Amino acid sequence: MIEKVFCFKDLYYLTQYALSDISDEEVVAKFNYLAKNIKNNTMRDKYKKQVLSIVDKMSNVDDDINQKIFDKLFYVEDTNEKNLEQYITLLNICNVEDLENIENNSLDLKFSFNDFFGENGYIESEYLFDLVDEDLKQNGINSKYIYSLGDLSRIDTEYVYIDDYLNFHPEDIDDIKKEYIENLASLKLDEIIDLNNKESIDANNKVEITDKTVKEAQKHVAGIVEKESETAKVKNTK
C-alpha cells in the first residue's frame, strides 16, 4: 500500500487558495489521492517533485497567477507532467524577485514579454531618436512628433513609453517587466500557455469555479478523508 505522498508542511502555502469551505486537511488529502492514483512509481515521484516545486515558487508570485494554477491542480485534477512543467516555468517568469531573464524565459508563452513590449507603446531610446529624426526629415514642421521634441531632452533611460498623445515618458525596464507580469495575471492560463489536455483527468481547459464545482470537490475530498480515517482505525486495532 502506498503511504501518504504529501504532508501538511509540504502544501501549507497552497492551502490558502482553496475556498473557505474546503479545509486544509481536505486539500492535502486530495493531493495524496491524486498522487496515489498515479500507478507508475517514477511518474508519481515526478508529480510530487513538480507539486513541491510549484508550492516553493508561489511566495514571490502574484496571487492571481497562483490561484489559477491551484484551480487547475485541485479542481481540474491536472496531473499531466508537461502541464505541471509549464506551471513551473510560468511561476519562474512571474517571480518579481528575479526579473533578469524574463525576455528569454517568456519566448515560449503565447503572450511573451516581447509581444507585450511591442504592443503597448514601449520602444528603446535609440530607436525612438531614429524614428523621430526620420519623420522630421520627411515631414518637417508637419511631423507628428513636432510637439513632442521637448520630451526628447528629458530622456535619460534606455526605454521609453509613447502614450496615445505621442508624449514620451522615460521607463525603467524592471517597471515594464512588472507591468507585463500584472498583465499575465489578468489572463486565463490557456491564453498564456499551451496546455496538454488529452492526458489530463479533466479535458476541460477553462476552469469555472461554481457552487456545483465546490460542492463536488467537498464531497470528493470528504470521502477521501473519511476513507483515510477508516484505514487508520483499522491499522490501530491491529
C-alpha atoms as a PDB file:
ATOM      1  CA  MET A   1       0.000   0.000   0.000  1.00  0.00           C
ATOM      2  CA  ILE A   2       1.264   3.483  -0.924  1.00  0.00           C
ATOM      3  CA  GLU A   3       1.925   5.676   2.105  1.00  0.00           C
ATOM      4  CA  LYS A   4       0.995   9.363   2.115  1.00  0.00           C
ATOM      5  CA  VAL A   5       2.919  11.248  -0.544  1.00  0.00           C
ATOM      6  CA  PHE A   6       2.328  14.736   0.890  1.00  0.00           C
ATOM      7  CA  CYS A   7       2.042  16.045   4.433  1.00  0.00           C
ATOM      8  CA  PHE A   8       0.640  19.381   5.576  1.00  0.00           C
ATOM      9  CA  LYS A   9       4.012  21.143   5.747  1.00  0.00           C
ATOM     10  CA  ASP A  10       4.549  20.303   2.067  1.00  0.00           C
ATOM     11  CA  LEU A  11       1.364  22.043   0.949  1.00  0.00           C
ATOM     12  CA  TYR A  12       0.634  24.621   3.646  1.00  0.00           C
ATOM     13  CA  TYR A  13       1.273  27.602   1.316  1.00  0.00           C
ATOM     14  CA  LEU A  14      -1.037  26.091  -1.281  1.00  0.00           C
ATOM     15  CA  THR A  15      -3.983  25.661   1.078  1.00  0.00           C
ATOM     16  CA  GLN A  16      -4.760  29.395   1.151  1.00  0.00           C
ATOM     17  CA  TYR A  17      -6.049  29.187  -2.428  1.00  0.00           C
ATOM     18  CA  ALA A  18      -8.806  26.705  -1.607  1.00  0.00           C
ATOM     19  CA  LEU A  19     -12.226  28.200  -0.959  1.00  0.00           C
ATOM     20  CA  SER A  20     -13.080  28.710   2.696  1.00  0.00           C
ATOM     21  CA  ASP A  21     -15.481  25.746   2.763  1.00  0.00           C
ATOM     22  CA  ILE A  22     -12.607  23.351   1.993  1.00  0.00           C
ATOM     23  CA  SER A  23     -10.308  22.573   4.918  1.00  0.00           C
ATOM     24  CA  ASP A  24      -6.526  22.317   4.848  1.00  0.00           C
ATOM     25  CA  GLU A  25      -6.875  18.615   5.667  1.00  0.00           C
ATOM     26  CA  GLU A  26      -9.087  18.125   2.629  1.00  0.00           C
ATOM     27  CA  VAL A  27      -6.600  19.896   0.355  1.00  0.00           C
ATOM     28  CA  VAL A  28      -3.765  17.628   1.498  1.00  0.00           C
ATOM     29  CA  ALA A  29      -5.997  14.550   1.212  1.00  0.00           C
ATOM     30  CA  LYS A  30      -6.952  15.470  -2.352  1.00  0.00           C
ATOM     31  CA  PHE A  31      -3.334  15.800  -3.479  1.00  0.00           C
ATOM     32  CA  ASN A  32      -2.485  12.483  -1.823  1.00  0.00           C
ATOM     33  CA  TYR A  33      -5.427  10.896  -3.610  1.00  0.00           C
ATOM     34  CA  LEU A  34      -4.218  12.219  -6.981  1.00  0.00           C
ATOM     35  CA  ALA A  35      -0.666  11.049  -6.292  1.00  0.00           C
ATOM     36  CA  LYS A  36      -1.777   7.559  -5.244  1.00  0.00           C
ATOM     37  CA  ASN A  37      -3.788   7.237  -8.449  1.00  0.00           C
ATOM     38  CA  ILE A  38      -0.554   7.514 -10.431  1.00  0.00           C
ATOM     39  CA  LYS A  39       0.405   3.841 -10.540  1.00  0.00           C
ATOM     40  CA  ASN A  40       3.886   4.273 -12.006  1.00  0.00           C
ATOM     41  CA  ASN A  41       6.334   4.946  -9.155  1.00  0.00           C
ATOM     42  CA  THR A  42       8.627   7.086 -11.292  1.00  0.00           C
ATOM     43  CA  MET A  43       5.732   9.228 -12.537  1.00  0.00           C
ATOM     44  CA  ARG A  44       4.359   9.540  -9.000  1.00  0.00           C
ATOM     45  CA  ASP A  45       7.731  10.737  -7.729  1.00  0.00           C
ATOM     46  CA  LYS A  46       7.887  13.193 -10.634  1.00  0.00           C
ATOM     47  CA  TYR A  47       4.412  14.501  -9.774  1.00  0.00           C
ATOM     48  CA  LYS A  48       5.425  15.016  -6.148  1.00  0.00           C
ATOM     49  CA  LYS A  49       8.599  16.826  -7.156  1.00  0.00           C
ATOM     50  CA  GLN A  50       6.685  19.104  -9.526  1.00  0.00           C
ATOM     51  CA  VAL A  51       3.960  19.944  -6.989  1.00  0.00           C
ATOM     52  CA  LEU A  52       6.563  20.743  -4.328  1.00  0.00           C
ATOM     53  CA  SER A  53       8.408  22.943  -6.825  1.00  0.00           C
ATOM     54  CA  ILE A  54       5.172  24.781  -7.641  1.00  0.00           C
ATOM     55  CA  VAL A  55       4.442  25.405  -3.957  1.00  0.00           C
ATOM     56  CA  ASP A  56       8.008  26.570  -3.328  1.00  0.00           C
ATOM     57  CA  LYS A  57       7.850  29.163  -6.118  1.00  0.00           C
ATOM     58  CA  MET A  58       4.467  30.667  -5.251  1.00  0.00           C
ATOM     59  CA  SER A  59       5.628  33.015  -2.489  1.00  0.00           C
ATOM     60  CA  ASN A  60       7.149  35.523  -4.946  1.00  0.00           C
ATOM     61  CA  VAL A  61       4.303  35.380  -7.456  1.00  0.00           C
ATOM     62  CA  ASP A  62       1.042  37.306  -7.848  1.00  0.00           C
ATOM     63  CA  ASP A  63      -1.878  35.618  -6.060  1.00  0.00           C
ATOM     64  CA  ASP A  64      -3.981  35.683  -9.231  1.00  0.00           C
ATOM     65  CA  ILE A  65      -1.430  33.501 -11.038  1.00  0.00           C
ATOM     66  CA  ASN A  66      -1.166  31.166  -8.040  1.00  0.00           C
ATOM     67  CA  GLN A  67      -4.941  30.871  -7.828  1.00  0.00           C
ATOM     68  CA  LYS A  68      -5.244  29.892 -11.484  1.00  0.00           C
ATOM     69  CA  ILE A  69      -2.619  27.174 -11.070  1.00  0.00           C
ATOM     70  CA  PHE A  70      -4.200  25.876  -7.850  1.00  0.00           C
ATOM     71  CA  ASP A  71      -7.586  25.659  -9.565  1.00  0.00           C
ATOM     72  CA  LYS A  72      -6.067  23.521 -12.317  1.00  0.00           C
ATOM     73  CA  LEU A  73      -4.283  21.236  -9.866  1.00  0.00           C
ATOM     74  CA  PHE A  74      -7.119  20.885  -7.365  1.00  0.00           C
ATOM     75  CA  TYR A  75     -10.445  21.245  -9.189  1.00  0.00           C
ATOM     76  CA  VAL A  76      -9.447  20.029 -12.659  1.00  0.00           C
ATOM     77  CA  GLU A  77      -7.143  17.422 -11.061  1.00  0.00           C
ATOM     78  CA  ASP A  78      -4.378  18.120 -13.575  1.00  0.00           C
ATOM     79  CA  THR A  79      -1.526  15.653 -13.091  1.00  0.00           C
ATOM     80  CA  ASN A  80      -0.138  15.985 -16.610  1.00  0.00           C
ATOM     81  CA  GLU A  81       3.662  16.170 -16.398  1.00  0.00           C
ATOM     82  CA  LYS A  82       4.022  18.612 -19.303  1.00  0.00           C
ATOM     83  CA  ASN A  83       1.336  20.911 -17.927  1.00  0.00           C
ATOM     84  CA  LEU A  84       2.918  20.989 -14.476  1.00  0.00           C
ATOM     85  CA  GLU A  85       6.269  21.805 -16.047  1.00  0.00           C
ATOM     86  CA  GLN A  86       4.634  24.762 -17.794  1.00  0.00           C
ATOM     87  CA  TYR A  87       3.140  25.946 -14.499  1.00  0.00           C
ATOM     88  CA  ILE A  88       6.651  25.878 -13.029  1.00  0.00           C
ATOM     89  CA  THR A  89       8.004  27.849 -15.991  1.00  0.00           C
ATOM     90  CA  LEU A  90       5.227  30.417 -15.618  1.00  0.00           C
ATOM     91  CA  LEU A  91       5.955  30.818 -11.904  1.00  0.00           C
ATOM     92  CA  ASN A  92       9.631  31.377 -12.698  1.00  0.00           C
ATOM     93  CA  ILE A  93       8.716  34.070 -15.220  1.00  0.00           C
ATOM     94  CA  CYS A  94       6.329  35.795 -12.799  1.00  0.00           C
ATOM     95  CA  ASN A  95       8.805  35.885  -9.908  1.00  0.00           C
ATOM     96  CA  VAL A  96       9.023  39.602  -9.042  1.00  0.00           C
ATOM     97  CA  GLU A  97      12.301  38.994  -7.209  1.00  0.00           C
ATOM     98  CA  ASP A  98      14.052  37.672 -10.339  1.00  0.00           C
ATOM     99  CA  LEU A  99      13.242  39.751 -13.429  1.00  0.00           C
ATOM    100  CA  GLU A 100      16.586  39.462 -15.212  1.00  0.00           C
ATOM    101  CA  ASN A 101      15.805  36.725 -17.755  1.00  0.00           C
ATOM    102  CA  ILE A 102      12.127  37.378 -18.328  1.00  0.00           C
ATOM    103  CA  GLU A 103      12.587  38.253 -22.027  1.00  0.00           C
ATOM    104  CA  ASN A 104      14.156  34.908 -22.954  1.00  0.00           C
ATOM    105  CA  ASN A 105      12.153  32.803 -20.492  1.00  0.00           C
ATOM    106  CA  SER A 106       8.828  34.079 -21.839  1.00  0.00           C
ATOM    107  CA  LEU A 107       9.546  33.381 -25.519  1.00  0.00           C
ATOM    108  CA  ASP A 108       7.579  30.111 -25.462  1.00  0.00           C
ATOM    109  CA  LEU A 109       4.483  31.686 -23.918  1.00  0.00           C
ATOM    110  CA  LYS A 110       1.500  32.572 -26.080  1.00  0.00           C
ATOM    111  CA  PHE A 111       1.998  36.191 -25.000  1.00  0.00           C
ATOM    112  CA  SER A 112       5.694  36.875 -24.478  1.00  0.00           C
ATOM    113  CA  PHE A 113       7.372  39.891 -22.924  1.00  0.00           C
ATOM    114  CA  ASN A 114       8.446  40.991 -26.413  1.00  0.00           C
ATOM    115  CA  ASP A 115       4.801  40.875 -27.550  1.00  0.00           C
ATOM    116  CA  PHE A 116       3.753  42.988 -24.574  1.00  0.00           C
ATOM    117  CA  PHE A 117       6.620  45.427 -25.120  1.00  0.00           C
ATOM    118  CA  GLY A 118       5.806  45.957 -28.786  1.00  0.00           C
ATOM    119  CA  GLU A 119       2.029  46.173 -28.423  1.00  0.00           C
ATOM    120  CA  ASN A 120       1.922  48.651 -25.544  1.00  0.00           C
ATOM    121  CA  GLY A 121       3.858  51.655 -26.779  1.00  0.00           C
ATOM    122  CA  TYR A 122       7.328  50.828 -25.471  1.00  0.00           C
ATOM    123  CA  ILE A 123      10.455  51.434 -27.520  1.00  0.00           C
ATOM    124  CA  GLU A 124      14.206  51.551 -26.981  1.00  0.00           C
ATOM    125  CA  SER A 125      15.510  55.129 -26.769  1.00  0.00           C
ATOM    126  CA  GLU A 126      17.987  54.757 -29.632  1.00  0.00           C
ATOM    127  CA  TYR A 127      15.219  53.612 -31.977  1.00  0.00           C
ATOM    128  CA  LEU A 128      12.971  56.446 -30.831  1.00  0.00           C
ATOM    129  CA  PHE A 129      15.587  59.050 -31.759  1.00  0.00           C
ATOM    130  CA  ASP A 130      15.956  57.429 -35.188  1.00  0.00           C
ATOM    131  CA  LEU A 131      12.168  57.298 -35.593  1.00  0.00           C
ATOM    132  CA  VAL A 132      11.698  60.983 -34.745  1.00  0.00           C
ATOM    133  CA  ASP A 133      14.672  62.038 -36.876  1.00  0.00           C
ATOM    134  CA  GLU A 134      13.325  60.174 -39.915  1.00  0.00           C
ATOM    135  CA  ASP A 135       9.832  61.633 -39.514  1.00  0.00           C
ATOM    136  CA  LEU A 136      11.211  65.172 -39.174  1.00  0.00           C
ATOM    137  CA  LYS A 137      13.279  64.765 -42.326  1.00  0.00           C
ATOM    138  CA  GLN A 138      10.250  63.603 -44.275  1.00  0.00           C
ATOM    139  CA  ASN A 139       7.588  65.928 -42.875  1.00  0.00           C
ATOM    140  CA  GLY A 140       9.394  68.922 -41.387  1.00  0.00           C
ATOM    141  CA  ILE A 141       7.134  71.103 -39.251  1.00  0.00           C
ATOM    142  CA  ASN A 142       4.240  68.774 -40.110  1.00  0.00           C
ATOM    143  CA  SER A 143       5.902  65.882 -38.285  1.00  0.00           C
ATOM    144  CA  LYS A 144       3.556  64.129 -35.873  1.00  0.00           C
ATOM    145  CA  TYR A 145       6.314  64.360 -33.275  1.00  0.00           C
ATOM    146  CA  ILE A 146       6.797  68.140 -33.577  1.00  0.00           C
ATOM    147  CA  TYR A 147       5.133  68.822 -30.221  1.00  0.00           C
ATOM    148  CA  SER A 148       6.998  66.000 -28.521  1.00  0.00           C
ATOM    149  CA  LEU A 149      10.519  67.220 -29.234  1.00  0.00           C
ATOM    150  CA  GLY A 150      10.797  68.800 -25.786  1.00  0.00           C
ATOM    151  CA  ASP A 151      10.381  65.361 -24.229  1.00  0.00           C
ATOM    152  CA  LEU A 152      13.479  64.055 -26.010  1.00  0.00           C
ATOM    153  CA  SER A 153      15.838  66.202 -23.957  1.00  0.00           C
ATOM    154  CA  ARG A 154      14.475  64.673 -20.741  1.00  0.00           C
ATOM    155  CA  ILE A 155      15.008  61.061 -21.770  1.00  0.00           C
ATOM    156  CA  ASP A 156      17.869  59.511 -19.804  1.00  0.00           C
ATOM    157  CA  THR A 157      16.695  55.891 -19.785  1.00  0.00           C
ATOM    158  CA  GLU A 158      17.207  53.031 -22.212  1.00  0.00           C
ATOM    159  CA  TYR A 159      13.471  52.594 -22.727  1.00  0.00           C
ATOM    160  CA  VAL A 160      10.589  54.968 -23.438  1.00  0.00           C
ATOM    161  CA  TYR A 161       6.808  54.738 -23.322  1.00  0.00           C
ATOM    162  CA  ILE A 162       4.898  56.596 -26.057  1.00  0.00           C
ATOM    163  CA  ASP A 163       1.364  57.463 -24.941  1.00  0.00           C
ATOM    164  CA  ASP A 164      -1.699  57.988 -27.151  1.00  0.00           C
ATOM    165  CA  TYR A 165      -0.854  61.685 -27.491  1.00  0.00           C
ATOM    166  CA  LEU A 166       2.699  60.869 -28.670  1.00  0.00           C
ATOM    167  CA  ASN A 167       4.267  62.125 -25.455  1.00  0.00           C
ATOM    168  CA  PHE A 168       7.493  60.377 -24.456  1.00  0.00           C
ATOM    169  CA  HIS A 169       7.927  59.006 -20.932  1.00  0.00           C
ATOM    170  CA  PRO A 170      11.229  57.532 -19.676  1.00  0.00           C
ATOM    171  CA  GLU A 171      10.717  53.989 -18.358  1.00  0.00           C
ATOM    172  CA  ASP A 172      12.785  51.656 -16.205  1.00  0.00           C
ATOM    173  CA  ILE A 173      12.966  48.159 -17.701  1.00  0.00           C
ATOM    174  CA  ASP A 174      12.103  46.475 -14.388  1.00  0.00           C
ATOM    175  CA  ASP A 175       8.903  48.531 -14.172  1.00  0.00           C
ATOM    176  CA  ILE A 176       7.954  47.374 -17.673  1.00  0.00           C
ATOM    177  CA  LYS A 177       8.601  43.761 -16.675  1.00  0.00           C
ATOM    178  CA  LYS A 178       6.385  44.133 -13.605  1.00  0.00           C
ATOM    179  CA  GLU A 179       3.616  45.569 -15.782  1.00  0.00           C
ATOM    180  CA  TYR A 180       3.982  42.541 -18.042  1.00  0.00           C
ATOM    181  CA  ILE A 181       3.569  40.205 -15.070  1.00  0.00           C
ATOM    182  CA  GLU A 182       0.460  42.130 -13.974  1.00  0.00           C
ATOM    183  CA  ASN A 183      -0.892  41.696 -17.481  1.00  0.00           C
ATOM    184  CA  LEU A 184      -0.268  37.935 -17.365  1.00  0.00           C
ATOM    185  CA  ALA A 185      -2.125  37.761 -14.054  1.00  0.00           C
ATOM    186  CA  SER A 186      -5.225  39.195 -15.749  1.00  0.00           C
ATOM    187  CA  LEU A 187      -5.293  36.467 -18.426  1.00  0.00           C
ATOM    188  CA  LYS A 188      -6.618  32.908 -18.346  1.00  0.00           C
ATOM    189  CA  LEU A 189      -3.993  30.174 -18.258  1.00  0.00           C
ATOM    190  CA  ASP A 190      -4.981  28.927 -21.699  1.00  0.00           C
ATOM    191  CA  GLU A 191      -4.271  32.425 -23.031  1.00  0.00           C
ATOM    192  CA  ILE A 192      -0.724  32.220 -21.676  1.00  0.00           C
ATOM    193  CA  ILE A 193       0.419  28.627 -22.133  1.00  0.00           C
ATOM    194  CA  ASP A 194      -0.455  25.643 -24.329  1.00  0.00           C
ATOM    195  CA  LEU A 195      -1.923  23.035 -22.014  1.00  0.00           C
ATOM    196  CA  ASN A 196      -1.957  19.370 -22.960  1.00  0.00           C
ATOM    197  CA  ASN A 197      -5.461  18.255 -22.054  1.00  0.00           C
ATOM    198  CA  LYS A 198      -5.529  14.838 -23.716  1.00  0.00           C
ATOM    199  CA  GLU A 199      -3.682  13.181 -20.858  1.00  0.00           C
ATOM    200  CA  SER A 200      -5.269  15.191 -18.068  1.00  0.00           C
ATOM    201  CA  ILE A 201      -8.003  13.727 -15.882  1.00  0.00           C
ATOM    202  CA  ASP A 202     -10.317  16.534 -16.985  1.00  0.00           C
ATOM    203  CA  ALA A 203     -10.089  17.718 -20.600  1.00  0.00           C
ATOM    204  CA  ASN A 204     -11.848  20.992 -19.884  1.00  0.00           C
ATOM    205  CA  ASN A 205      -9.276  23.752 -20.364  1.00  0.00           C
ATOM    206  CA  LYS A 206     -11.444  26.515 -18.939  1.00  0.00           C
ATOM    207  CA  VAL A 207     -11.847  26.297 -15.189  1.00  0.00           C
ATOM    208  CA  GLU A 208     -15.028  27.887 -13.890  1.00  0.00           C
ATOM    209  CA  ILE A 209     -15.320  27.602 -10.125  1.00  0.00           C
ATOM    210  CA  THR A 210     -19.064  27.414  -9.459  1.00  0.00           C
ATOM    211  CA  ASP A 211     -21.054  26.360  -6.378  1.00  0.00           C
ATOM    212  CA  LYS A 212     -21.524  22.978  -8.040  1.00  0.00           C
ATOM    213  CA  THR A 213     -17.768  22.639  -8.566  1.00  0.00           C
ATOM    214  CA  VAL A 214     -17.095  23.446  -4.924  1.00  0.00           C
ATOM    215  CA  LYS A 215     -19.750  21.026  -3.641  1.00  0.00           C
ATOM    216  CA  GLU A 216     -18.379  18.262  -5.837  1.00  0.00           C
ATOM    217  CA  ALA A 217     -14.854  18.964  -4.608  1.00  0.00           C
ATOM    218  CA  GLN A 218     -16.021  18.994  -0.982  1.00  0.00           C
ATOM    219  CA  LYS A 219     -17.902  15.730  -1.418  1.00  0.00           C
ATOM    220  CA  HIS A 220     -14.903  14.145  -3.115  1.00  0.00           C
ATOM    221  CA  VAL A 221     -12.300  15.179  -0.555  1.00  0.00           C
ATOM    222  CA  ALA A 222     -14.644  14.442   2.353  1.00  0.00           C
ATOM    223  CA  GLY A 223     -14.895  10.895   1.058  1.00  0.00           C
ATOM    224  CA  ILE A 224     -11.123  10.693   0.762  1.00  0.00           C
ATOM    225  CA  VAL A 225     -10.617  11.951   4.333  1.00  0.00           C
ATOM    226  CA  GLU A 226     -13.257   9.540   5.679  1.00  0.00           C
ATOM    227  CA  LYS A 227     -11.643   6.617   3.876  1.00  0.00           C
ATOM    228  CA  GLU A 228      -8.209   7.543   5.247  1.00  0.00           C
ATOM    229  CA  SER A 229      -9.653   7.802   8.771  1.00  0.00           C
ATOM    230  CA  GLU A 230     -11.221   4.355   8.497  1.00  0.00           C
ATOM    231  CA  THR A 231      -7.934   2.929   7.222  1.00  0.00           C
ATOM    232  CA  ALA A 232      -6.102   4.496  10.158  1.00  0.00           C
ATOM    233  CA  LYS A 233      -8.612   2.997  12.632  1.00  0.00           C
ATOM    234  CA  VAL A 234      -8.130  -0.452  11.147  1.00  0.00           C
ATOM    235  CA  LYS A 235      -4.356  -0.099  11.483  1.00  0.00           C
ATOM    236  CA  ASN A 236      -4.676   0.997  15.119  1.00  0.00           C
ATOM    237  CA  THR A 237      -6.824  -2.004  16.038  1.00  0.00           C
ATOM    238  CA  LYS A 238      -4.255  -4.478  14.728  1.00  0.00           C
END
